[in-house]
N, C-alpha and C. Protein backbone atom coordinates (compact mmCIF):
# COMPACT_ATOMS: atom_id res chain seq x y z
N UNK A 1 -19.97 -10.07 14.72
CA UNK A 1 -20.14 -9.49 13.40
C UNK A 1 -18.87 -8.72 13.04
N UNK A 2 -18.36 -8.91 11.84
CA UNK A 2 -17.16 -8.22 11.38
C UNK A 2 -17.50 -6.78 11.01
N UNK A 3 -16.61 -5.86 11.37
CA UNK A 3 -16.87 -4.45 11.05
C UNK A 3 -15.77 -3.80 10.22
N UNK A 4 -14.55 -4.32 10.27
CA UNK A 4 -13.47 -3.75 9.47
C UNK A 4 -12.30 -4.72 9.47
N UNK A 5 -11.33 -4.40 8.64
CA UNK A 5 -10.12 -5.22 8.58
C UNK A 5 -8.92 -4.29 8.51
N UNK A 6 -7.85 -4.68 9.18
CA UNK A 6 -6.63 -3.89 9.21
C UNK A 6 -5.46 -4.81 8.90
N UNK A 7 -5.05 -4.88 7.63
CA UNK A 7 -3.94 -5.75 7.27
C UNK A 7 -2.67 -5.41 8.04
N UNK A 8 -1.90 -6.44 8.36
CA UNK A 8 -0.61 -6.28 9.03
C UNK A 8 0.47 -6.74 8.06
N UNK A 9 1.42 -5.85 7.80
CA UNK A 9 2.49 -6.12 6.86
C UNK A 9 3.85 -6.00 7.53
N UNK A 10 4.82 -6.75 7.06
CA UNK A 10 6.17 -6.63 7.63
C UNK A 10 6.90 -5.40 7.12
N UNK A 11 7.78 -4.89 7.95
CA UNK A 11 8.65 -3.76 7.57
C UNK A 11 10.02 -4.01 8.17
N UNK A 12 11.04 -3.51 7.50
CA UNK A 12 12.41 -3.62 8.01
C UNK A 12 12.86 -2.35 8.71
N UNK A 13 12.31 -1.21 8.30
CA UNK A 13 12.76 0.09 8.81
C UNK A 13 11.52 0.96 9.03
N UNK A 14 11.20 1.19 10.28
CA UNK A 14 9.98 1.92 10.62
C UNK A 14 9.98 3.33 10.04
N UNK A 15 11.10 4.03 10.10
CA UNK A 15 11.16 5.40 9.57
C UNK A 15 10.95 5.41 8.06
N UNK A 16 11.55 4.46 7.36
CA UNK A 16 11.40 4.40 5.90
C UNK A 16 9.95 4.08 5.52
N UNK A 17 9.33 3.17 6.27
CA UNK A 17 7.93 2.82 6.00
C UNK A 17 7.04 4.01 6.24
N UNK A 18 7.21 4.68 7.38
CA UNK A 18 6.42 5.88 7.70
C UNK A 18 6.58 6.93 6.61
N UNK A 19 7.80 7.18 6.21
CA UNK A 19 8.08 8.18 5.20
C UNK A 19 7.43 7.84 3.87
N UNK A 20 7.57 6.62 3.40
CA UNK A 20 7.01 6.23 2.11
C UNK A 20 5.49 6.37 2.11
N UNK A 21 4.85 5.81 3.11
CA UNK A 21 3.39 5.83 3.13
C UNK A 21 2.83 7.23 3.37
N UNK A 22 3.50 8.03 4.17
CA UNK A 22 2.97 9.38 4.42
C UNK A 22 3.33 10.34 3.28
N UNK A 23 4.57 10.34 2.85
CA UNK A 23 4.98 11.30 1.82
C UNK A 23 4.55 10.90 0.42
N UNK A 24 4.67 9.63 0.08
CA UNK A 24 4.36 9.20 -1.29
C UNK A 24 2.88 8.85 -1.47
N UNK A 25 2.27 8.22 -0.46
CA UNK A 25 0.92 7.70 -0.62
C UNK A 25 -0.15 8.47 0.14
N UNK A 26 0.23 9.45 0.94
CA UNK A 26 -0.75 10.30 1.60
C UNK A 26 -1.40 9.73 2.85
N UNK A 27 -0.77 8.74 3.48
CA UNK A 27 -1.28 8.20 4.74
C UNK A 27 -0.81 9.09 5.89
N UNK A 28 -1.55 9.06 6.98
CA UNK A 28 -1.12 9.76 8.19
C UNK A 28 -0.83 8.73 9.27
N UNK A 29 -0.01 9.12 10.22
CA UNK A 29 0.34 8.22 11.32
C UNK A 29 -0.80 8.20 12.32
N UNK A 30 -1.37 7.04 12.55
CA UNK A 30 -2.45 6.88 13.53
C UNK A 30 -1.92 6.33 14.85
N UNK A 31 -0.73 5.75 14.82
CA UNK A 31 -0.11 5.22 16.02
C UNK A 31 1.30 4.76 15.71
N UNK A 32 2.22 5.06 16.62
CA UNK A 32 3.60 4.64 16.41
C UNK A 32 4.18 4.20 17.74
N UNK A 33 4.71 3.00 17.73
CA UNK A 33 5.23 2.37 18.93
C UNK A 33 6.55 1.70 18.59
N UNK A 34 7.23 1.18 19.59
CA UNK A 34 8.45 0.43 19.31
C UNK A 34 8.11 -0.75 18.41
N UNK A 35 8.68 -0.75 17.23
CA UNK A 35 8.56 -1.86 16.29
C UNK A 35 7.16 -2.07 15.73
N UNK A 36 6.29 -1.08 15.83
CA UNK A 36 4.92 -1.21 15.33
C UNK A 36 4.44 0.15 14.85
N UNK A 37 3.75 0.15 13.71
CA UNK A 37 3.32 1.39 13.09
C UNK A 37 1.91 1.21 12.55
N UNK A 38 1.05 2.20 12.78
CA UNK A 38 -0.31 2.20 12.24
C UNK A 38 -0.48 3.45 11.38
N UNK A 39 -0.89 3.24 10.13
CA UNK A 39 -1.08 4.33 9.20
C UNK A 39 -2.51 4.34 8.71
N UNK A 40 -3.03 5.52 8.39
CA UNK A 40 -4.45 5.65 8.01
C UNK A 40 -4.60 6.62 6.85
N UNK A 41 -5.51 6.25 5.94
CA UNK A 41 -5.92 7.16 4.86
C UNK A 41 -7.35 6.79 4.46
N UNK A 42 -8.21 7.79 4.39
CA UNK A 42 -9.59 7.60 3.94
C UNK A 42 -10.31 6.48 4.68
N UNK A 43 -10.06 6.36 5.98
CA UNK A 43 -10.73 5.34 6.78
C UNK A 43 -10.10 3.96 6.68
N UNK A 44 -9.04 3.83 5.91
CA UNK A 44 -8.32 2.55 5.77
C UNK A 44 -7.12 2.58 6.69
N UNK A 45 -6.90 1.50 7.42
CA UNK A 45 -5.71 1.40 8.27
C UNK A 45 -4.83 0.26 7.80
N UNK A 46 -3.53 0.51 7.82
CA UNK A 46 -2.53 -0.52 7.62
C UNK A 46 -1.68 -0.57 8.87
N UNK A 47 -1.40 -1.77 9.34
CA UNK A 47 -0.54 -1.96 10.49
C UNK A 47 0.76 -2.61 10.00
N UNK A 48 1.88 -2.21 10.58
CA UNK A 48 3.18 -2.74 10.20
C UNK A 48 3.91 -3.21 11.45
N UNK A 49 4.56 -4.35 11.33
CA UNK A 49 5.36 -4.89 12.42
C UNK A 49 6.81 -5.03 11.95
N UNK A 50 7.74 -4.80 12.86
CA UNK A 50 9.15 -4.90 12.52
C UNK A 50 9.53 -6.34 12.27
N UNK A 51 10.20 -6.56 11.16
CA UNK A 51 10.67 -7.90 10.78
C UNK A 51 12.10 -7.75 10.28
N UNK A 52 13.04 -7.82 11.19
CA UNK A 52 14.44 -7.60 10.85
C UNK A 52 14.98 -8.67 9.89
N UNK A 53 14.41 -9.86 9.91
CA UNK A 53 14.88 -10.94 9.04
C UNK A 53 14.20 -10.94 7.68
N UNK A 54 13.34 -9.97 7.42
CA UNK A 54 12.61 -9.92 6.17
C UNK A 54 13.56 -9.77 4.99
N UNK A 55 13.41 -10.66 4.02
CA UNK A 55 14.13 -10.54 2.76
C UNK A 55 13.14 -9.98 1.75
N UNK A 56 13.30 -8.73 1.32
CA UNK A 56 12.30 -8.14 0.42
C UNK A 56 12.15 -8.91 -0.89
N UNK A 57 13.17 -9.65 -1.29
CA UNK A 57 13.08 -10.41 -2.54
C UNK A 57 12.19 -11.64 -2.42
N UNK A 58 11.89 -12.05 -1.18
CA UNK A 58 11.01 -13.21 -0.98
C UNK A 58 9.74 -12.84 -0.22
N UNK A 59 9.52 -11.55 0.02
CA UNK A 59 8.34 -11.10 0.75
C UNK A 59 7.08 -11.30 -0.09
N UNK A 60 6.09 -11.96 0.48
CA UNK A 60 4.82 -12.20 -0.20
C UNK A 60 3.69 -11.33 0.34
N UNK A 61 4.01 -10.28 1.12
CA UNK A 61 2.98 -9.41 1.67
C UNK A 61 2.21 -8.71 0.55
N UNK A 62 0.87 -8.72 0.66
CA UNK A 62 0.03 -8.11 -0.36
C UNK A 62 -1.23 -7.53 0.26
N UNK A 63 -1.68 -6.42 -0.30
CA UNK A 63 -2.96 -5.81 0.09
C UNK A 63 -3.66 -5.37 -1.18
N UNK A 64 -4.96 -5.60 -1.23
CA UNK A 64 -5.78 -5.14 -2.36
C UNK A 64 -6.71 -4.06 -1.84
N UNK A 65 -6.61 -2.86 -2.41
CA UNK A 65 -7.44 -1.73 -2.02
C UNK A 65 -8.55 -1.55 -3.06
N UNK A 66 -9.78 -1.53 -2.63
CA UNK A 66 -10.88 -1.13 -3.51
C UNK A 66 -10.98 0.38 -3.40
N UNK A 67 -11.00 1.05 -4.55
CA UNK A 67 -10.96 2.51 -4.56
C UNK A 67 -12.06 3.08 -5.45
N UNK A 68 -12.31 4.36 -5.29
CA UNK A 68 -13.17 5.14 -6.18
C UNK A 68 -12.26 6.10 -6.94
N UNK A 69 -12.62 6.42 -8.17
CA UNK A 69 -11.87 7.36 -8.99
C UNK A 69 -10.42 6.91 -9.18
N UNK A 70 -10.25 5.68 -9.63
CA UNK A 70 -8.91 5.10 -9.76
C UNK A 70 -8.02 5.86 -10.73
N UNK A 71 -8.60 6.40 -11.81
CA UNK A 71 -7.78 7.14 -12.77
C UNK A 71 -7.17 8.38 -12.12
N UNK A 72 -7.93 9.08 -11.31
CA UNK A 72 -7.42 10.27 -10.62
C UNK A 72 -6.35 9.89 -9.60
N UNK A 73 -6.58 8.80 -8.86
CA UNK A 73 -5.59 8.34 -7.89
C UNK A 73 -4.29 7.97 -8.59
N UNK A 74 -4.40 7.22 -9.66
CA UNK A 74 -3.21 6.81 -10.43
C UNK A 74 -2.44 8.04 -10.92
N UNK A 75 -3.14 8.98 -11.54
CA UNK A 75 -2.50 10.20 -12.04
C UNK A 75 -1.80 10.96 -10.92
N UNK A 76 -2.47 11.07 -9.78
CA UNK A 76 -1.90 11.79 -8.65
C UNK A 76 -0.61 11.13 -8.17
N UNK A 77 -0.61 9.82 -8.05
CA UNK A 77 0.59 9.12 -7.58
C UNK A 77 1.73 9.25 -8.59
N UNK A 78 1.43 9.05 -9.86
CA UNK A 78 2.46 9.18 -10.90
C UNK A 78 3.01 10.61 -10.93
N UNK A 79 2.12 11.60 -10.83
CA UNK A 79 2.55 13.00 -10.84
C UNK A 79 3.46 13.33 -9.65
N UNK A 80 3.31 12.59 -8.55
CA UNK A 80 4.14 12.81 -7.37
C UNK A 80 5.35 11.88 -7.34
N UNK A 81 5.63 11.21 -8.46
CA UNK A 81 6.84 10.42 -8.57
C UNK A 81 6.79 9.03 -7.96
N UNK A 82 5.61 8.55 -7.61
CA UNK A 82 5.50 7.19 -7.05
C UNK A 82 5.78 6.20 -8.18
N UNK A 83 6.66 5.26 -7.90
CA UNK A 83 7.03 4.26 -8.89
C UNK A 83 5.95 3.18 -8.94
N UNK A 84 5.41 2.96 -10.12
CA UNK A 84 4.41 1.93 -10.34
C UNK A 84 5.14 0.62 -10.64
N UNK A 85 4.60 -0.49 -10.18
CA UNK A 85 5.19 -1.81 -10.43
C UNK A 85 5.41 -1.98 -11.94
N UNK A 86 6.55 -2.54 -12.35
CA UNK A 86 6.81 -2.69 -13.79
C UNK A 86 5.71 -3.43 -14.55
N UNK A 87 5.02 -4.34 -13.89
CA UNK A 87 3.92 -5.07 -14.52
C UNK A 87 2.56 -4.58 -14.02
N UNK A 88 2.54 -3.40 -13.39
CA UNK A 88 1.32 -2.97 -12.72
C UNK A 88 0.72 -1.68 -13.20
N UNK A 89 0.97 -1.31 -14.45
CA UNK A 89 0.38 -0.07 -14.97
C UNK A 89 -1.15 -0.17 -14.96
N UNK A 90 -1.79 0.96 -14.89
CA UNK A 90 -3.26 1.03 -14.85
C UNK A 90 -3.84 0.38 -16.11
N UNK A 91 -4.72 -0.60 -15.89
CA UNK A 91 -5.35 -1.27 -17.03
C UNK A 91 -6.59 -2.02 -16.57
N UNK A 92 -7.45 -2.31 -17.54
CA UNK A 92 -8.64 -3.13 -17.27
C UNK A 92 -8.23 -4.59 -17.27
N UNK A 93 -8.71 -5.32 -16.28
CA UNK A 93 -8.38 -6.74 -16.13
C UNK A 93 -9.56 -7.59 -16.58
N UNK A 94 -9.31 -8.85 -16.97
CA UNK A 94 -10.38 -9.74 -17.44
C UNK A 94 -11.45 -10.01 -16.37
N UNK A 95 -11.12 -9.81 -15.10
CA UNK A 95 -12.08 -10.08 -14.02
C UNK A 95 -12.93 -8.87 -13.69
N UNK A 96 -12.93 -7.86 -14.58
CA UNK A 96 -13.84 -6.74 -14.44
C UNK A 96 -13.36 -5.61 -13.54
N UNK A 97 -12.09 -5.58 -13.24
CA UNK A 97 -11.53 -4.52 -12.42
C UNK A 97 -10.57 -3.68 -13.25
N UNK A 98 -10.48 -2.41 -12.93
CA UNK A 98 -9.45 -1.52 -13.47
C UNK A 98 -8.44 -1.39 -12.35
N UNK A 99 -7.18 -1.77 -12.59
CA UNK A 99 -6.20 -1.91 -11.51
C UNK A 99 -4.84 -1.32 -11.88
N UNK A 100 -4.09 -1.01 -10.81
CA UNK A 100 -2.65 -0.77 -10.91
C UNK A 100 -2.02 -1.25 -9.62
N UNK A 101 -0.70 -1.41 -9.64
CA UNK A 101 0.00 -1.96 -8.47
C UNK A 101 1.34 -1.28 -8.28
N UNK A 102 1.82 -1.30 -7.05
CA UNK A 102 3.14 -0.80 -6.72
C UNK A 102 3.73 -1.61 -5.59
N UNK A 103 5.01 -1.44 -5.37
CA UNK A 103 5.71 -2.12 -4.29
C UNK A 103 6.21 -1.09 -3.29
N UNK A 104 6.02 -1.37 -2.00
CA UNK A 104 6.55 -0.47 -0.99
C UNK A 104 8.03 -0.79 -0.76
N UNK A 105 8.72 -0.09 0.13
CA UNK A 105 10.16 -0.31 0.32
C UNK A 105 10.54 -1.74 0.73
N UNK A 106 9.58 -2.51 1.26
CA UNK A 106 9.85 -3.89 1.66
C UNK A 106 9.28 -4.91 0.68
N UNK A 107 8.87 -4.43 -0.48
CA UNK A 107 8.28 -5.26 -1.54
C UNK A 107 6.93 -5.85 -1.16
N UNK A 108 6.20 -5.19 -0.26
CA UNK A 108 4.79 -5.53 -0.07
C UNK A 108 4.07 -5.04 -1.31
N UNK A 109 3.29 -5.91 -1.95
CA UNK A 109 2.58 -5.55 -3.16
C UNK A 109 1.27 -4.86 -2.80
N UNK A 110 1.08 -3.64 -3.31
CA UNK A 110 -0.14 -2.87 -3.07
C UNK A 110 -0.87 -2.76 -4.40
N UNK A 111 -2.05 -3.38 -4.48
CA UNK A 111 -2.85 -3.33 -5.70
C UNK A 111 -4.09 -2.49 -5.42
N UNK A 112 -4.40 -1.60 -6.34
CA UNK A 112 -5.55 -0.71 -6.23
C UNK A 112 -6.50 -1.05 -7.36
N UNK A 113 -7.79 -1.23 -7.04
CA UNK A 113 -8.74 -1.62 -8.07
C UNK A 113 -10.11 -0.99 -7.89
N UNK A 114 -10.77 -0.80 -9.03
CA UNK A 114 -12.12 -0.27 -9.08
C UNK A 114 -12.87 -1.06 -10.16
N UNK A 115 -14.16 -1.27 -9.95
CA UNK A 115 -14.95 -1.96 -10.98
C UNK A 115 -14.84 -1.22 -12.30
N UNK A 116 -14.54 -1.98 -13.36
CA UNK A 116 -14.37 -1.36 -14.69
C UNK A 116 -15.71 -1.04 -15.30
């Protein structure tokens, strides 16, 4: 029986990834090892593996977060200077979700959504 999921995303620089997710997005470090990083927020874990050959312009890494109180989360991130994806401003989508998106330092797409 499945109990949880922990997406694994590529990173080029472990310190930069740790800094972005902890300082900008409010994640805490749950584990840090050579070339591997585990971050946690609100019971959600993201795992990162070192990928020195990663080209951020061709990276297709993506995670979709289901959230509560999306308007407050969006405001909080914007107020703290987090850059929202140019095409990812908070809006209602035709599929019944209210969403916004951003890119991490390696161009992993992070989309946040709540039922509209």
